[in-house]
């Protein structure tokens, strides 16, 4: 149960982190322009 839970949560957390990181890069890039 715990393994299944982590297997489902891990990709979601990683995906959110990547999306947030890309969003920050885009905002920083827009501010520089």
N, C-alpha and C. Protein backbone atom coordinates (compact mmCIF):
# COMPACT_ATOMS: atom_id res chain seq x y z
N UNK A 1 0.84 -1.20 0.00
CA UNK A 1 0.00 0.00 0.00
C UNK A 1 0.89 1.26 0.00
N UNK A 2 1.88 1.26 0.89
CA UNK A 2 2.75 2.43 0.98
C UNK A 2 3.58 2.58 -0.29
N UNK A 3 4.03 1.45 -0.85
CA UNK A 3 4.82 1.48 -2.08
C UNK A 3 3.98 2.02 -3.23
N UNK A 4 2.73 1.58 -3.33
CA UNK A 4 1.83 2.04 -4.38
C UNK A 4 1.58 3.54 -4.23
N UNK A 5 1.38 3.96 -2.98
CA UNK A 5 1.13 5.38 -2.69
C UNK A 5 2.30 6.24 -3.15
N UNK A 6 3.52 5.82 -2.79
CA UNK A 6 4.72 6.58 -3.17
C UNK A 6 4.92 6.55 -4.68
N UNK A 7 4.56 5.42 -5.30
CA UNK A 7 4.71 5.28 -6.75
C UNK A 7 3.77 6.24 -7.49
N UNK A 8 2.64 6.56 -6.87
CA UNK A 8 1.68 7.48 -7.48
C UNK A 8 2.05 8.93 -7.16
N UNK A 9 2.45 9.18 -5.93
CA UNK A 9 2.75 10.54 -5.49
C UNK A 9 4.06 11.08 -6.07
N UNK A 10 5.09 10.22 -6.13
CA UNK A 10 6.41 10.66 -6.60
C UNK A 10 6.37 11.36 -7.96
N UNK A 11 5.78 10.75 -9.01
CA UNK A 11 5.74 11.40 -10.33
C UNK A 11 4.99 12.73 -10.30
N UNK A 12 3.95 12.82 -9.47
CA UNK A 12 3.17 14.06 -9.38
C UNK A 12 4.01 15.17 -8.76
N UNK A 13 4.73 14.83 -7.68
CA UNK A 13 5.58 15.82 -7.01
C UNK A 13 6.69 16.28 -7.94
N UNK A 14 7.32 15.33 -8.63
CA UNK A 14 8.41 15.66 -9.57
C UNK A 14 7.87 16.53 -10.70
N UNK A 15 6.71 16.17 -11.23
CA UNK A 15 6.10 16.94 -12.32
C UNK A 15 5.80 18.37 -11.90
N UNK A 16 5.27 18.52 -10.69
CA UNK A 16 4.95 19.86 -10.17
C UNK A 16 6.23 20.67 -9.98
N UNK A 17 7.28 20.02 -9.48
CA UNK A 17 8.55 20.70 -9.24
C UNK A 17 9.15 21.19 -10.55
N UNK A 18 9.10 20.34 -11.58
CA UNK A 18 9.64 20.70 -12.90
C UNK A 18 8.82 21.84 -13.51
N UNK A 19 7.49 21.75 -13.39
CA UNK A 19 6.62 22.79 -13.94
C UNK A 19 6.87 24.12 -13.24
N UNK A 20 7.04 24.07 -11.91
CA UNK A 20 7.30 25.28 -11.13
C UNK A 20 8.65 25.89 -11.52
N UNK A 21 9.66 25.02 -11.68
CA UNK A 21 11.00 25.47 -12.05
C UNK A 21 10.99 26.13 -13.43
N UNK A 22 10.28 25.53 -14.38
CA UNK A 22 10.18 26.10 -15.73
C UNK A 22 9.45 27.44 -15.68
N UNK A 23 8.42 27.53 -14.84
CA UNK A 23 7.66 28.77 -14.71
C UNK A 23 8.55 29.88 -14.17
N UNK A 24 9.40 29.55 -13.19
CA UNK A 24 10.32 30.54 -12.62
C UNK A 24 11.32 31.00 -13.68
N UNK A 25 11.82 30.06 -14.48
CA UNK A 25 12.77 30.41 -15.54
C UNK A 25 12.11 31.32 -16.57
N UNK A 26 10.86 31.03 -16.92
CA UNK A 26 10.14 31.85 -17.89
C UNK A 26 9.93 33.26 -17.34
N UNK A 27 9.57 33.37 -16.07
CA UNK A 27 9.32 34.67 -15.45
C UNK A 27 10.61 35.48 -15.41
N UNK A 28 11.71 34.81 -15.05
CA UNK A 28 13.01 35.49 -14.97
C UNK A 28 13.44 35.95 -16.36
N UNK A 29 13.20 35.10 -17.36
CA UNK A 29 13.56 35.40 -18.74
C UNK A 29 12.75 36.61 -19.24
N UNK A 30 11.47 36.66 -18.89
CA UNK A 30 10.61 37.76 -19.31
C UNK A 30 11.02 39.07 -18.62
N UNK A 31 11.43 38.98 -17.36
CA UNK A 31 11.85 40.17 -16.62
C UNK A 31 13.13 40.75 -17.21
N UNK A 32 14.02 39.88 -17.67
CA UNK A 32 15.28 40.35 -18.25
C UNK A 32 15.02 41.11 -19.55
N UNK A 33 14.03 40.67 -20.31
CA UNK A 33 13.69 41.36 -21.55
C UNK A 33 12.93 42.65 -21.21
